[in-house]
Amino acid sequence: MASEVTPSASAEPPTPTPVPAARSASIWHPRLPGRRPPKLIRGPGVTVHGQIEDWLADAIAAGQLKPGDQLPTEQDLSAWLGVSRMTLRHALAELAQRGLVTRTVGRSGGTFVAEPKLVQDLTVLAGFSEQLRRHGLVAGAHVLAANEIPASPAASTALEIEVGEPVYEVRRLRLADGQPILIEHSLFPARHCPGLLESRLDGSLYELLEQKYGQRPHRAKESLEPVTAGVREAEALGVAEGAPLMLVERTAYAKSGTPLEFAHDLFRGDRTKVVLWTSELVGGL
């Protein structure tokens, strides 16, 4: 019989507190001395809106446009660039889709440079808390569910245990500086970490495994798949239904080769960027 523990936070997904763009930042004025509009090529094989998108994306990457900076109005910016407002809107929509700008409506609305994405380096196996510490951000977690359940066929295969064997299921909403970034769904074999659900589950689970059971994931097999947010995921992450997410499926192993975790993580596509380092195979193929 599945036993349920009381999560360390409410089981209902918390209502994310939206962080407005930094309205105190000055509007980025293109007409300052020394600033010239980009040279736009009009011809077959290129699009004007694509060139504008690339120009603004490069300015953001170079730090010329900083997080919170507000772009001029569509009327002013399109006039400076010498394009129609429709062309400019197309470019801004693409930038918003990439998570580089945010667009709001109303008297205090406009187009603002978004906060930089969190880089998730999958080359090195590190928990979410450790990854955030490297970026100088504070990691947080709301426990959505913590139960003992029987292993499904998929979980038993990944964890190399019998179907129906007890596993601990932990579902959490992970936060970066208080803002929702991903939903974690992890399964741990009960035989390797007895009493796990009696511990606090709102910190680093990898550190908990190491401190309490002397076992820490040493390597992992991970696969990535782009998906979209359903109703529940959208509510928990504070995004629109259908928003892009990145699904990361992971099986983590101890140094001995014993599987310790089978997980499915859903990352916000507008707030995260995945990085992988590769090298040439020794001896070739």
C-alpha atoms as a PDB file:
ATOM      1  CA  MET A   1       0.000   0.000   0.000  1.00  0.00           C
ATOM      2  CA  ALA A   2       1.393   3.362  -0.969  1.00  0.00           C
ATOM      3  CA  SER A   3       2.291   5.562   1.962  1.00  0.00           C
ATOM      4  CA  GLU A   4       2.067   9.307   1.627  1.00  0.00           C
ATOM      5  CA  VAL A   5       4.036  11.893   3.506  1.00  0.00           C
ATOM      6  CA  THR A   6       3.140  15.498   4.094  1.00  0.00           C
ATOM      7  CA  PRO A   7       5.055  17.624   1.601  1.00  0.00           C
ATOM      8  CA  SER A   8       7.259  20.363   2.967  1.00  0.00           C
ATOM      9  CA  ALA A   9       5.156  22.851   1.044  1.00  0.00           C
ATOM     10  CA  SER A  10       1.591  22.962  -0.156  1.00  0.00           C
ATOM     11  CA  ALA A  11       0.717  20.241  -2.660  1.00  0.00           C
ATOM     12  CA  GLU A  12      -1.057  22.848  -4.758  1.00  0.00           C
ATOM     13  CA  PRO A  13       1.250  24.561  -7.256  1.00  0.00           C
ATOM     14  CA  PRO A  14       2.033  28.013  -5.879  1.00  0.00           C
ATOM     15  CA  THR A  15       0.865  31.000  -7.820  1.00  0.00           C
ATOM     16  CA  PRO A  16       4.034  32.433  -9.345  1.00  0.00           C
ATOM     17  CA  THR A  17       4.683  36.057  -8.599  1.00  0.00           C
ATOM     18  CA  PRO A  18       5.479  37.689 -11.924  1.00  0.00           C
ATOM     19  CA  VAL A  19       8.635  39.731 -11.949  1.00  0.00           C
ATOM     20  CA  PRO A  20       8.102  42.849 -14.007  1.00  0.00           C
ATOM     21  CA  ALA A  21      10.872  44.062 -16.222  1.00  0.00           C
ATOM     22  CA  ALA A  22      12.995  46.721 -14.602  1.00  0.00           C
ATOM     23  CA  ARG A  23      10.881  49.790 -15.340  1.00  0.00           C
ATOM     24  CA  SER A  24      13.553  51.966 -13.706  1.00  0.00           C
ATOM     25  CA  ALA A  25      15.874  51.240 -16.634  1.00  0.00           C
ATOM     26  CA  SER A  26      15.965  53.995 -19.228  1.00  0.00           C
ATOM     27  CA  ILE A  27      14.462  53.513 -22.630  1.00  0.00           C
ATOM     28  CA  TRP A  28      17.063  52.498 -25.196  1.00  0.00           C
ATOM     29  CA  HIS A  29      17.085  55.398 -27.636  1.00  0.00           C
ATOM     30  CA  PRO A  30      18.432  54.565 -31.088  1.00  0.00           C
ATOM     31  CA  ARG A  31      18.740  58.226 -32.129  1.00  0.00           C
ATOM     32  CA  LEU A  32      21.598  59.033 -29.760  1.00  0.00           C
ATOM     33  CA  PRO A  33      24.757  60.429 -31.395  1.00  0.00           C
ATOM     34  CA  GLY A  34      26.864  57.722 -32.993  1.00  0.00           C
ATOM     35  CA  ARG A  35      24.032  55.223 -33.352  1.00  0.00           C
ATOM     36  CA  ARG A  36      23.124  54.270 -36.873  1.00  0.00           C
ATOM     37  CA  PRO A  37      20.439  51.876 -38.062  1.00  0.00           C
ATOM     38  CA  PRO A  38      21.653  48.573 -39.478  1.00  0.00           C
ATOM     39  CA  LYS A  39      21.997  48.265 -43.226  1.00  0.00           C
ATOM     40  CA  LEU A  40      19.062  46.112 -44.315  1.00  0.00           C
ATOM     41  CA  ILE A  41      19.351  44.047 -47.462  1.00  0.00           C
ATOM     42  CA  ARG A  42      16.239  43.781 -49.584  1.00  0.00           C
ATOM     43  CA  GLY A  43      16.381  40.977 -52.071  1.00  0.00           C
ATOM     44  CA  PRO A  44      15.655  37.312 -52.738  1.00  0.00           C
ATOM     45  CA  GLY A  45      16.675  34.819 -50.090  1.00  0.00           C
ATOM     46  CA  VAL A  46      16.620  37.260 -47.149  1.00  0.00           C
ATOM     47  CA  THR A  47      13.885  38.810 -45.051  1.00  0.00           C
ATOM     48  CA  VAL A  48      13.956  42.264 -43.514  1.00  0.00           C
ATOM     49  CA  HIS A  49      12.298  41.103 -40.286  1.00  0.00           C
ATOM     50  CA  GLY A  50      14.909  38.355 -39.938  1.00  0.00           C
ATOM     51  CA  GLN A  51      17.736  40.886 -40.241  1.00  0.00           C
ATOM     52  CA  ILE A  52      16.135  43.091 -37.588  1.00  0.00           C
ATOM     53  CA  GLU A  53      15.707  40.089 -35.330  1.00  0.00           C
ATOM     54  CA  ASP A  54      19.384  39.171 -35.737  1.00  0.00           C
ATOM     55  CA  TRP A  55      20.501  42.757 -35.155  1.00  0.00           C
ATOM     56  CA  LEU A  56      18.562  43.080 -31.900  1.00  0.00           C
ATOM     57  CA  ALA A  57      19.620  39.584 -30.743  1.00  0.00           C
ATOM     58  CA  ASP A  58      23.278  40.512 -31.342  1.00  0.00           C
ATOM     59  CA  ALA A  59      22.829  43.769 -29.399  1.00  0.00           C
ATOM     60  CA  ILE A  60      21.382  41.820 -26.464  1.00  0.00           C
ATOM     61  CA  ALA A  61      24.191  39.230 -26.575  1.00  0.00           C
ATOM     62  CA  ALA A  62      26.834  41.983 -26.683  1.00  0.00           C
ATOM     63  CA  GLY A  63      25.331  43.763 -23.675  1.00  0.00           C
ATOM     64  CA  GLN A  64      24.386  46.852 -25.642  1.00  0.00           C
ATOM     65  CA  LEU A  65      20.815  46.103 -24.609  1.00  0.00           C
ATOM     66  CA  LYS A  66      20.638  45.002 -20.974  1.00  0.00           C
ATOM     67  CA  PRO A  67      17.953  43.057 -19.059  1.00  0.00           C
ATOM     68  CA  GLY A  68      15.086  45.392 -18.218  1.00  0.00           C
ATOM     69  CA  ASP A  69      15.901  47.921 -20.940  1.00  0.00           C
ATOM     70  CA  GLN A  70      12.811  49.111 -22.755  1.00  0.00           C
ATOM     71  CA  LEU A  71      12.835  49.389 -26.530  1.00  0.00           C
ATOM     72  CA  PRO A  72      11.351  52.481 -28.175  1.00  0.00           C
ATOM     73  CA  THR A  73       7.762  52.403 -29.313  1.00  0.00           C
ATOM     74  CA  GLU A  74       7.012  50.461 -32.469  1.00  0.00           C
ATOM     75  CA  GLN A  75       6.287  53.726 -34.260  1.00  0.00           C
ATOM     76  CA  ASP A  76       9.645  55.308 -33.338  1.00  0.00           C
ATOM     77  CA  LEU A  77      11.767  52.208 -33.886  1.00  0.00           C
ATOM     78  CA  SER A  78      10.181  51.278 -37.209  1.00  0.00           C
ATOM     79  CA  ALA A  79      10.611  54.858 -38.458  1.00  0.00           C
ATOM     80  CA  TRP A  80      14.301  54.840 -37.442  1.00  0.00           C
ATOM     81  CA  LEU A  81      14.853  51.506 -39.167  1.00  0.00           C
ATOM     82  CA  GLY A  82      12.917  52.577 -42.253  1.00  0.00           C
ATOM     83  CA  VAL A  83      10.499  49.631 -42.168  1.00  0.00           C
ATOM     84  CA  SER A  84       6.799  49.145 -41.619  1.00  0.00           C
ATOM     85  CA  ARG A  85       5.412  48.512 -38.152  1.00  0.00           C
ATOM     86  CA  MET A  86       4.180  45.115 -39.373  1.00  0.00           C
ATOM     87  CA  THR A  87       7.748  44.107 -40.301  1.00  0.00           C
ATOM     88  CA  LEU A  88       9.049  45.256 -36.909  1.00  0.00           C
ATOM     89  CA  ARG A  89       6.268  43.408 -35.070  1.00  0.00           C
ATOM     90  CA  HIS A  90       7.251  40.207 -36.880  1.00  0.00           C
ATOM     91  CA  ALA A  91      10.844  40.589 -35.680  1.00  0.00           C
ATOM     92  CA  LEU A  92       9.794  41.368 -32.094  1.00  0.00           C
ATOM     93  CA  ALA A  93       7.421  38.394 -32.060  1.00  0.00           C
ATOM     94  CA  GLU A  94      10.289  36.101 -33.053  1.00  0.00           C
ATOM     95  CA  LEU A  95      12.500  37.554 -30.302  1.00  0.00           C
ATOM     96  CA  ALA A  96       9.721  37.033 -27.774  1.00  0.00           C
ATOM     97  CA  GLN A  97       9.343  33.429 -28.947  1.00  0.00           C
ATOM     98  CA  ARG A  98      13.082  32.941 -28.308  1.00  0.00           C
ATOM     99  CA  GLY A  99      12.722  34.411 -24.810  1.00  0.00           C
ATOM    100  CA  LEU A 100      14.973  37.387 -25.544  1.00  0.00           C
ATOM    101  CA  VAL A 101      12.309  40.048 -24.975  1.00  0.00           C
ATOM    102  CA  THR A 102       9.017  40.293 -23.134  1.00  0.00           C
ATOM    103  CA  ARG A 103       6.034  42.234 -24.430  1.00  0.00           C
ATOM    104  CA  THR A 104       3.314  43.717 -22.227  1.00  0.00           C
ATOM    105  CA  VAL A 105       0.245  45.813 -22.931  1.00  0.00           C
ATOM    106  CA  GLY A 106      -1.294  48.717 -21.088  1.00  0.00           C
ATOM    107  CA  ARG A 107      -0.149  52.179 -20.092  1.00  0.00           C
ATOM    108  CA  SER A 108       3.095  50.868 -18.602  1.00  0.00           C
ATOM    109  CA  GLY A 109       3.534  48.238 -21.292  1.00  0.00           C
ATOM    110  CA  GLY A 110       6.046  47.910 -24.076  1.00  0.00           C
ATOM    111  CA  THR A 111       8.879  45.658 -25.194  1.00  0.00           C
ATOM    112  CA  PHE A 112      11.584  44.902 -22.633  1.00  0.00           C
ATOM    113  CA  VAL A 113      14.817  42.951 -22.791  1.00  0.00           C
ATOM    114  CA  ALA A 114      14.266  39.704 -20.879  1.00  0.00           C
ATOM    115  CA  GLU A 115      16.429  38.307 -18.124  1.00  0.00           C
ATOM    116  CA  PRO A 116      19.176  36.018 -19.468  1.00  0.00           C
ATOM    117  CA  LYS A 117      18.387  32.336 -19.702  1.00  0.00           C
ATOM    118  CA  LEU A 118      19.759  29.903 -17.139  1.00  0.00           C
ATOM    119  CA  VAL A 119      22.430  27.715 -18.684  1.00  0.00           C
ATOM    120  CA  GLN A 120      22.010  24.021 -17.908  1.00  0.00           C
ATOM    121  CA  ASP A 121      25.317  22.274 -18.627  1.00  0.00           C
ATOM    122  CA  LEU A 122      24.474  18.622 -19.221  1.00  0.00           C
ATOM    123  CA  THR A 123      28.117  17.753 -19.851  1.00  0.00           C
ATOM    124  CA  VAL A 124      28.703  17.595 -16.094  1.00  0.00           C
ATOM    125  CA  LEU A 125      26.265  15.795 -13.805  1.00  0.00           C
ATOM    126  CA  ALA A 126      25.157  18.352 -11.237  1.00  0.00           C
ATOM    127  CA  GLY A 127      21.874  18.942  -9.474  1.00  0.00           C
ATOM    128  CA  PHE A 128      19.717  21.990 -10.110  1.00  0.00           C
ATOM    129  CA  SER A 129      20.783  23.570  -6.797  1.00  0.00           C
ATOM    130  CA  GLU A 130      24.455  23.267  -7.690  1.00  0.00           C
ATOM    131  CA  GLN A 131      23.882  24.658 -11.185  1.00  0.00           C
ATOM    132  CA  LEU A 132      22.144  27.734  -9.748  1.00  0.00           C
ATOM    133  CA  ARG A 133      24.893  28.329  -7.181  1.00  0.00           C
ATOM    134  CA  ARG A 134      27.356  28.578 -10.068  1.00  0.00           C
ATOM    135  CA  HIS A 135      25.240  31.424 -11.489  1.00  0.00           C
ATOM    136  CA  GLY A 136      24.926  33.189  -8.145  1.00  0.00           C
ATOM    137  CA  LEU A 137      21.212  32.413  -7.883  1.00  0.00           C
ATOM    138  CA  VAL A 138      19.223  31.025  -4.952  1.00  0.00           C
ATOM    139  CA  ALA A 139      17.607  27.632  -5.548  1.00  0.00           C
ATOM    140  CA  GLY A 140      14.240  26.786  -4.028  1.00  0.00           C
ATOM    141  CA  ALA A 141      11.727  23.962  -4.177  1.00  0.00           C
ATOM    142  CA  HIS A 142       8.028  23.417  -3.517  1.00  0.00           C
ATOM    143  CA  VAL A 143       7.218  19.748  -2.958  1.00  0.00           C
ATOM    144  CA  LEU A 144       4.130  18.876  -4.982  1.00  0.00           C
ATOM    145  CA  ALA A 145       3.980  15.164  -4.098  1.00  0.00           C
ATOM    146  CA  ALA A 146       6.031  12.639  -2.135  1.00  0.00           C
ATOM    147  CA  ASN A 147       4.793   9.052  -2.112  1.00  0.00           C
ATOM    148  CA  GLU A 148       5.853   5.427  -2.031  1.00  0.00           C
ATOM    149  CA  ILE A 149       4.482   3.723  -5.145  1.00  0.00           C
ATOM    150  CA  PRO A 150       5.057   0.457  -7.026  1.00  0.00           C
ATOM    151  CA  ALA A 151       7.561   0.628  -9.864  1.00  0.00           C
ATOM    152  CA  SER A 152       6.044   0.757 -13.341  1.00  0.00           C
ATOM    153  CA  PRO A 153       7.539  -1.332 -16.165  1.00  0.00           C
ATOM    154  CA  ALA A 154       9.417   1.726 -17.460  1.00  0.00           C
ATOM    155  CA  ALA A 155      10.776   2.581 -14.005  1.00  0.00           C
ATOM    156  CA  SER A 156      11.746  -1.011 -13.268  1.00  0.00           C
ATOM    157  CA  THR A 157      13.709  -1.209 -16.520  1.00  0.00           C
ATOM    158  CA  ALA A 158      15.537   2.060 -15.870  1.00  0.00           C
ATOM    159  CA  LEU A 159      16.234   1.316 -12.208  1.00  0.00           C
ATOM    160  CA  GLU A 160      16.978  -2.399 -12.785  1.00  0.00           C
ATOM    161  CA  ILE A 161      14.435  -3.570 -10.221  1.00  0.00           C
ATOM    162  CA  GLU A 162      11.329  -5.754 -10.313  1.00  0.00           C
ATOM    163  CA  VAL A 163       8.006  -4.409 -11.544  1.00  0.00           C
ATOM    164  CA  GLY A 164       5.945  -3.423  -8.500  1.00  0.00           C
ATOM    165  CA  GLU A 165       8.964  -2.996  -6.228  1.00  0.00           C
ATOM    166  CA  PRO A 166       8.638   0.060  -3.959  1.00  0.00           C
ATOM    167  CA  VAL A 167      10.037   3.322  -5.257  1.00  0.00           C
ATOM    168  CA  TYR A 168       9.871   6.803  -3.803  1.00  0.00           C
ATOM    169  CA  GLU A 169       8.197   9.350  -6.067  1.00  0.00           C
ATOM    170  CA  VAL A 170       9.125  13.002  -5.502  1.00  0.00           C
ATOM    171  CA  ARG A 171       7.538  15.757  -7.609  1.00  0.00           C
ATOM    172  CA  ARG A 172       8.815  19.281  -7.057  1.00  0.00           C
ATOM    173  CA  LEU A 173       8.535  22.739  -8.560  1.00  0.00           C
ATOM    174  CA  ARG A 174      12.048  24.180  -8.710  1.00  0.00           C
ATOM    175  CA  LEU A 175      12.647  27.898  -8.337  1.00  0.00           C
ATOM    176  CA  ALA A 176      15.461  30.282  -9.225  1.00  0.00           C
ATOM    177  CA  ASP A 177      15.433  33.409  -7.071  1.00  0.00           C
ATOM    178  CA  GLY A 178      11.802  32.619  -6.278  1.00  0.00           C
ATOM    179  CA  GLN A 179      10.662  32.172  -9.890  1.00  0.00           C
ATOM    180  CA  PRO A 180       9.476  28.793 -11.274  1.00  0.00           C
ATOM    181  CA  ILE A 181      11.890  27.217 -13.749  1.00  0.00           C
ATOM    182  CA  LEU A 182      11.148  23.501 -13.947  1.00  0.00           C
ATOM    183  CA  ILE A 183       9.037  20.638 -12.678  1.00  0.00           C
ATOM    184  CA  GLU A 184      11.008  17.644 -11.398  1.00  0.00           C
ATOM    185  CA  HIS A 185       9.536  14.143 -11.255  1.00  0.00           C
ATOM    186  CA  SER A 186      12.033  11.713  -9.725  1.00  0.00           C
ATOM    187  CA  LEU A 187      11.796   8.054  -8.730  1.00  0.00           C
ATOM    188  CA  PHE A 188      14.257   6.482  -6.275  1.00  0.00           C
ATOM    189  CA  PRO A 189      14.492   2.741  -5.460  1.00  0.00           C
ATOM    190  CA  ALA A 190      13.365   2.360  -1.830  1.00  0.00           C
ATOM    191  CA  ARG A 191      15.909  -0.418  -1.278  1.00  0.00           C
ATOM    192  CA  HIS A 192      18.804   2.022  -1.788  1.00  0.00           C
ATOM    193  CA  CYS A 193      17.478   4.906   0.315  1.00  0.00           C
ATOM    194  CA  PRO A 194      15.103   3.594   3.009  1.00  0.00           C
ATOM    195  CA  GLY A 195      13.178   6.302   4.820  1.00  0.00           C
ATOM    196  CA  LEU A 196      13.931   8.950   2.200  1.00  0.00           C
ATOM    197  CA  LEU A 197      10.452  10.456   2.506  1.00  0.00           C
ATOM    198  CA  GLU A 198      11.022  11.124   6.209  1.00  0.00           C
ATOM    199  CA  SER A 199      13.721  13.659   5.307  1.00  0.00           C
ATOM    200  CA  ARG A 200      13.308  17.244   4.206  1.00  0.00           C
ATOM    201  CA  LEU A 201      12.789  17.253   0.463  1.00  0.00           C
ATOM    202  CA  ASP A 202      13.003  20.957  -0.323  1.00  0.00           C
ATOM    203  CA  GLY A 203      16.789  21.027  -0.751  1.00  0.00           C
ATOM    204  CA  SER A 204      19.265  19.195  -2.962  1.00  0.00           C
ATOM    205  CA  LEU A 205      18.205  15.543  -3.223  1.00  0.00           C
ATOM    206  CA  TYR A 206      21.636  14.555  -4.538  1.00  0.00           C
ATOM    207  CA  GLU A 207      23.268  16.030  -1.448  1.00  0.00           C
ATOM    208  CA  LEU A 208      20.680  14.213   0.701  1.00  0.00           C
ATOM    209  CA  LEU A 209      21.523  10.886  -0.957  1.00  0.00           C
ATOM    210  CA  GLU A 210      25.212  11.470  -0.309  1.00  0.00           C
ATOM    211  CA  GLN A 211      24.907  12.663   3.284  1.00  0.00           C
ATOM    212  CA  LYS A 212      22.302  10.166   4.491  1.00  0.00           C
ATOM    213  CA  TYR A 213      23.052   7.076   2.381  1.00  0.00           C
ATOM    214  CA  GLY A 214      26.623   7.571   1.205  1.00  0.00           C
ATOM    215  CA  GLN A 215      25.557   7.393  -2.437  1.00  0.00           C
ATOM    216  CA  ARG A 216      25.633  10.169  -4.990  1.00  0.00           C
ATOM    217  CA  PRO A 217      24.883  10.033  -8.726  1.00  0.00           C
ATOM    218  CA  HIS A 218      28.191   9.797 -10.550  1.00  0.00           C
ATOM    219  CA  ARG A 219      27.050   9.612 -14.168  1.00  0.00           C
ATOM    220  CA  ALA A 220      23.748   9.742 -16.021  1.00  0.00           C
ATOM    221  CA  LYS A 221      22.094   8.960 -19.306  1.00  0.00           C
ATOM    222  CA  GLU A 222      19.931  11.880 -20.406  1.00  0.00           C
ATOM    223  CA  SER A 223      17.694  12.443 -23.411  1.00  0.00           C
ATOM    224  CA  LEU A 224      16.108  15.730 -24.493  1.00  0.00           C
ATOM    225  CA  GLU A 225      12.786  16.256 -26.214  1.00  0.00           C
ATOM    226  CA  PRO A 226      10.924  19.504 -26.987  1.00  0.00           C
ATOM    227  CA  VAL A 227       7.334  19.435 -25.736  1.00  0.00           C
ATOM    228  CA  THR A 228       4.581  21.934 -24.963  1.00  0.00           C
ATOM    229  CA  ALA A 229       2.961  22.852 -21.661  1.00  0.00           C
ATOM    230  CA  GLY A 230      -0.351  21.271 -20.756  1.00  0.00           C
ATOM    231  CA  VAL A 231      -2.839  22.900 -18.409  1.00  0.00           C
ATOM    232  CA  ARG A 232      -1.193  21.619 -15.195  1.00  0.00           C
ATOM    233  CA  GLU A 233       2.354  22.414 -16.317  1.00  0.00           C
ATOM    234  CA  ALA A 234       1.355  25.884 -17.494  1.00  0.00           C
ATOM    235  CA  GLU A 235      -0.300  26.682 -14.165  1.00  0.00           C
ATOM    236  CA  ALA A 236       2.660  25.484 -12.118  1.00  0.00           C
ATOM    237  CA  LEU A 237       5.336  27.181 -14.226  1.00  0.00           C
ATOM    238  CA  GLY A 238       3.433  30.413 -14.809  1.00  0.00           C
ATOM    239  CA  VAL A 239       3.437  30.126 -18.605  1.00  0.00           C
ATOM    240  CA  ALA A 240       0.735  29.977 -21.242  1.00  0.00           C
ATOM    241  CA  GLU A 241      -0.769  26.639 -22.194  1.00  0.00           C
ATOM    242  CA  GLY A 242       1.108  25.379 -25.235  1.00  0.00           C
ATOM    243  CA  ALA A 243       4.306  27.253 -24.293  1.00  0.00           C
ATOM    244  CA  PRO A 244       7.542  25.464 -25.278  1.00  0.00           C
ATOM    245  CA  LEU A 245       9.162  23.252 -22.655  1.00  0.00           C
ATOM    246  CA  MET A 246      12.201  20.992 -22.706  1.00  0.00           C
ATOM    247  CA  LEU A 247      11.695  17.483 -21.370  1.00  0.00           C
ATOM    248  CA  VAL A 248      14.855  15.893 -19.957  1.00  0.00           C
ATOM    249  CA  GLU A 249      14.622  12.176 -19.139  1.00  0.00           C
ATOM    250  CA  ARG A 250      17.432  10.981 -16.895  1.00  0.00           C
ATOM    251  CA  THR A 251      18.678   7.767 -15.364  1.00  0.00           C
ATOM    252  CA  ALA A 252      21.407   8.520 -12.822  1.00  0.00           C
ATOM    253  CA  TYR A 253      23.902   5.933 -11.619  1.00  0.00           C
ATOM    254  CA  ALA A 254      26.154   5.612  -8.588  1.00  0.00           C
ATOM    255  CA  LYS A 255      29.904   5.131  -9.089  1.00  0.00           C
ATOM    256  CA  SER A 256      29.305   1.401  -8.706  1.00  0.00           C
ATOM    257  CA  GLY A 257      26.913   1.460 -11.664  1.00  0.00           C
ATOM    258  CA  THR A 258      23.776   1.018  -9.550  1.00  0.00           C
ATOM    259  CA  PRO A 259      20.825   3.108 -10.831  1.00  0.00           C
ATOM    260  CA  LEU A 260      19.785   5.613  -8.175  1.00  0.00           C
ATOM    261  CA  GLU A 261      17.243   7.817  -9.944  1.00  0.00           C
ATOM    262  CA  PHE A 262      14.834   7.766 -12.872  1.00  0.00           C
ATOM    263  CA  ALA A 263      13.586  11.272 -13.601  1.00  0.00           C
ATOM    264  CA  HIS A 264      11.579  13.417 -15.986  1.00  0.00           C
ATOM    265  CA  ASP A 265      12.282  17.152 -15.749  1.00  0.00           C
ATOM    266  CA  LEU A 266      10.260  19.817 -17.561  1.00  0.00           C
ATOM    267  CA  PHE A 267      12.200  23.061 -18.123  1.00  0.00           C
ATOM    268  CA  ARG A 268      10.686  26.363 -19.209  1.00  0.00           C
ATOM    269  CA  GLY A 269      11.852  26.994 -22.748  1.00  0.00           C
ATOM    270  CA  ASP A 270      11.879  30.768 -22.262  1.00  0.00           C
ATOM    271  CA  ARG A 271      14.154  30.668 -19.202  1.00  0.00           C
ATOM    272  CA  THR A 272      16.650  27.888 -19.851  1.00  0.00           C
ATOM    273  CA  LYS A 273      19.336  27.029 -22.368  1.00  0.00           C
ATOM    274  CA  VAL A 274      20.946  23.601 -22.564  1.00  0.00           C
ATOM    275  CA  VAL A 275      24.691  23.353 -23.246  1.00  0.00           C
ATOM    276  CA  LEU A 276      26.652  20.236 -24.207  1.00  0.00           C
ATOM    277  CA  TRP A 277      30.391  19.949 -24.739  1.00  0.00           C
ATOM    278  CA  THR A 278      31.556  17.391 -27.276  1.00  0.00           C
ATOM    279  CA  SER A 279      34.911  16.131 -28.482  1.00  0.00           C
ATOM    280  CA  GLU A 280      36.215  13.947 -31.256  1.00  0.00           C
ATOM    281  CA  LEU A 281      36.058  10.216 -30.584  1.00  0.00           C
ATOM    282  CA  VAL A 282      39.471   8.760 -29.868  1.00  0.00           C
ATOM    283  CA  GLY A 283      40.412   6.564 -32.834  1.00  0.00           C
ATOM    284  CA  GLY A 284      37.447   7.789 -34.883  1.00  0.00           C
ATOM    285  CA  LEU A 285      34.453   5.634 -35.783  1.00  0.00           C
END
